[in-house]
Amino acid sequence: MTASKPTHTFVLVPGAWLGGWSWHPVARQLTERGYPTLALSMPGLAYDGSPAGLRLADAVEHVVSEVESRDLTDVVLVGHSWGGYPVTGAAHQLAGRVAKVIYFAAVVPEQGTPMIEENEQYAAMLRQAIAATPDSTVPVGLDAVQGVLMPGDPAPLQNLVSQLLLAQPGGYMTDSLDVPPVTKIGLDAAYVQCADDNALARPGAEFAARLGVEPVAIPGNHMTLLTDPALVADALISALESPVSSTG
């Protein structure tokens, strides 16, 4: 008797400053295990156009368009970090095509609250950065990679990642979603956090609580999707297959 072929398609959405490349090691793991996988780059975060003037709605629409144009069903939407925003917005528009939404070290948006307001400590700094750039973006440098995104990882890898990062469109950070958490519309969701993650605006448990689920923790920092993709793939598959664990 042969094992049944997976029917779900993983659609992976990257975090701020990142492109689909950040998900490629995990996508390879998922694909090798039989899961069709699509790793997306959001508009303005690849070398195919200007980031100027982009709004959060553009990122949401990009995810929706990519799923609909391929006529994908039984989709598992996965958002990393800021990617929780476009994943949430897209899930509301794609509800009939979505099997589950997984937040991996991600923000679970609160209705009406933009990313920039999730952490008061960084709000002024981000607004200043947006105002200071001619294309209203938020740049990021090696210091952020070393101290926040990938602390303790090998220096050559930190340097490489810093060279791959692109400035984040400011509108992605200042716009909010006028929709509730996906579990409020009956979609299944899961939250996977990284034990040594210092990059999120709030603890992962707080974001998971917005979904009404218990978070599942794995070892690693915010960029474990690059440093241990097999572990992350295991966690995503486990989250897909596990029943919803509600906090009540």
Foldseek 3Di string as FASTA:
>chain_A
DDDDADQEEEEEEEAALDALVLQVVLCVLCVVVRHHYHRGGAPCNDPPDHLFPDAQVSRLVVVLCVCVVVVAAQYEYEYAALRLQSSQSNCVVPVRRYQEYEYENYANAAAPDFQLPLAPVCNVVLQVQLVPDPRSWAQDALVCLCPAFAPPDDPVVSVVVRVSGDTGHNNSGHDGHNDAGPVVVPHHYAYEYEPAERHHSDDSQVRVVSNQAGYHYDYDYSSCCNVPSNVVSVVVVCSSPDDGHGND
